[in-house]
Amino acid sequence: GAVLGAALLGKAVGFYPIESAITAGLCMANMGGTGDVAVLSASKRMQLMPFAQIASRLGGAIILLLAGLIIPLFI
């Protein structure tokens, strides 16, 4: 879902859909810097590393924020 949404939104604003799907979709949901290197080296797009780092940090922050808001509802 994150990859498809990032690709469609990237295409809508004029980015290359594959590159926006890789950086915003895959790098947001991987395991940090090591996951960024794995995803970008597998796709042969290491020049996107600064964008992948930003996506990883924002994705982690959003997950922590959502968890902090949702967990108290169940406890």
C-alpha atoms as a PDB file:
ATOM      1  CA  GLY A   1       0.000   0.000   0.000  1.00  0.00           C
ATOM      2  CA  ALA A   2       2.781   2.444   0.895  1.00  0.00           C
ATOM      3  CA  VAL A   3       4.611   1.739  -2.366  1.00  0.00           C
ATOM      4  CA  LEU A   4       1.525   2.116  -4.532  1.00  0.00           C
ATOM      5  CA  GLY A   5       0.394   5.274  -2.755  1.00  0.00           C
ATOM      6  CA  ALA A   6       3.866   6.829  -3.005  1.00  0.00           C
ATOM      7  CA  ALA A   7       4.096   5.976  -6.709  1.00  0.00           C
ATOM      8  CA  LEU A   8       0.692   7.466  -7.516  1.00  0.00           C
ATOM      9  CA  LEU A   9       1.283  10.595  -5.474  1.00  0.00           C
ATOM     10  CA  GLY A  10       4.760  10.987  -6.977  1.00  0.00           C
ATOM     11  CA  LYS A  11       3.359  10.711 -10.490  1.00  0.00           C
ATOM     12  CA  ALA A  12       0.643  13.237  -9.663  1.00  0.00           C
ATOM     13  CA  VAL A  13       3.192  15.868  -8.628  1.00  0.00           C
ATOM     14  CA  GLY A  14       5.602  15.169 -11.488  1.00  0.00           C
ATOM     15  CA  PHE A  15       8.181  12.779  -9.968  1.00  0.00           C
ATOM     16  CA  TYR A  16       9.289   9.502 -11.479  1.00  0.00           C
ATOM     17  CA  PRO A  17       6.857   6.936  -9.999  1.00  0.00           C
ATOM     18  CA  ILE A  18       9.474   4.199  -9.538  1.00  0.00           C
ATOM     19  CA  GLU A  19      11.880   6.445  -7.663  1.00  0.00           C
ATOM     20  CA  SER A  20       9.168   7.923  -5.456  1.00  0.00           C
ATOM     21  CA  ALA A  21       7.846   4.418  -4.730  1.00  0.00           C
ATOM     22  CA  ILE A  22      11.319   3.239  -3.735  1.00  0.00           C
ATOM     23  CA  THR A  23      12.254   6.175  -1.521  1.00  0.00           C
ATOM     24  CA  ALA A  24       8.907   7.067   0.035  1.00  0.00           C
ATOM     25  CA  GLY A  25       7.288   3.638   0.049  1.00  0.00           C
ATOM     26  CA  LEU A  26       9.999   1.063   0.651  1.00  0.00           C
ATOM     27  CA  CYS A  27      12.501   3.127   2.608  1.00  0.00           C
ATOM     28  CA  MET A  28       9.816   4.388   4.986  1.00  0.00           C
ATOM     29  CA  ALA A  29       8.901   0.833   5.981  1.00  0.00           C
ATOM     30  CA  ASN A  30      12.320  -0.836   6.224  1.00  0.00           C
ATOM     31  CA  MET A  31      14.665  -1.195   9.211  1.00  0.00           C
ATOM     32  CA  GLY A  32      16.564   2.086   9.179  1.00  0.00           C
ATOM     33  CA  GLY A  33      19.897   2.845   7.531  1.00  0.00           C
ATOM     34  CA  THR A  34      20.782  -0.786   6.828  1.00  0.00           C
ATOM     35  CA  GLY A  35      17.419  -1.314   5.153  1.00  0.00           C
ATOM     36  CA  ASP A  36      17.897   1.848   3.094  1.00  0.00           C
ATOM     37  CA  VAL A  37      21.218   0.557   1.796  1.00  0.00           C
ATOM     38  CA  ALA A  38      19.694  -2.848   1.010  1.00  0.00           C
ATOM     39  CA  VAL A  39      16.684  -1.409  -0.830  1.00  0.00           C
ATOM     40  CA  LEU A  40      18.649   1.182  -2.802  1.00  0.00           C
ATOM     41  CA  SER A  41      21.513  -1.145  -3.735  1.00  0.00           C
ATOM     42  CA  ALA A  42      19.062  -3.826  -4.894  1.00  0.00           C
ATOM     43  CA  SER A  43      17.324  -1.292  -7.107  1.00  0.00           C
ATOM     44  CA  LYS A  44      20.643   0.286  -8.222  1.00  0.00           C
ATOM     45  CA  ARG A  45      19.569   3.755  -7.050  1.00  0.00           C
ATOM     46  CA  MET A  46      22.152   4.635  -4.399  1.00  0.00           C
ATOM     47  CA  GLN A  47      22.000   8.311  -5.438  1.00  0.00           C
ATOM     48  CA  LEU A  48      18.640   8.487  -3.636  1.00  0.00           C
ATOM     49  CA  MET A  49      20.218   7.847  -0.209  1.00  0.00           C
ATOM     50  CA  PRO A  50      19.551  11.351   1.250  1.00  0.00           C
ATOM     51  CA  PHE A  51      15.857  11.050   0.401  1.00  0.00           C
ATOM     52  CA  ALA A  52      15.707   7.519   1.789  1.00  0.00           C
ATOM     53  CA  GLN A  53      17.206   8.690   5.089  1.00  0.00           C
ATOM     54  CA  ILE A  54      14.585  11.418   5.395  1.00  0.00           C
ATOM     55  CA  ALA A  55      11.792   8.944   4.602  1.00  0.00           C
ATOM     56  CA  SER A  56      13.108   6.486   7.200  1.00  0.00           C
ATOM     57  CA  ARG A  57      13.266   9.094   9.937  1.00  0.00           C
ATOM     58  CA  LEU A  58       9.847  10.577   9.183  1.00  0.00           C
ATOM     59  CA  GLY A  59       8.293   7.123   8.831  1.00  0.00           C
ATOM     60  CA  GLY A  60       9.664   6.051  12.207  1.00  0.00           C
ATOM     61  CA  ALA A  61       8.427   9.232  13.848  1.00  0.00           C
ATOM     62  CA  ILE A  62       4.944   8.793  12.381  1.00  0.00           C
ATOM     63  CA  ILE A  63       4.768   5.185  13.596  1.00  0.00           C
ATOM     64  CA  LEU A  64       5.797   6.230  17.123  1.00  0.00           C
ATOM     65  CA  LEU A  65       3.232   9.010  17.111  1.00  0.00           C
ATOM     66  CA  LEU A  66       0.440   6.715  15.938  1.00  0.00           C
ATOM     67  CA  ALA A  67       1.402   4.026  18.452  1.00  0.00           C
ATOM     68  CA  GLY A  68       1.388   6.583  21.233  1.00  0.00           C
ATOM     69  CA  LEU A  69      -2.114   7.669  20.292  1.00  0.00           C
ATOM     70  CA  ILE A  70      -3.621   4.238  19.604  1.00  0.00           C
ATOM     71  CA  ILE A  71      -2.180   2.064  22.405  1.00  0.00           C
ATOM     72  CA  PRO A  72      -3.893   4.002  25.233  1.00  0.00           C
ATOM     73  CA  LEU A  73      -7.233   3.230  23.602  1.00  0.00           C
ATOM     74  CA  PHE A  74      -6.710  -0.489  24.226  1.00  0.00           C
ATOM     75  CA  ILE A  75      -5.128  -0.351  27.688  1.00  0.00           C
END
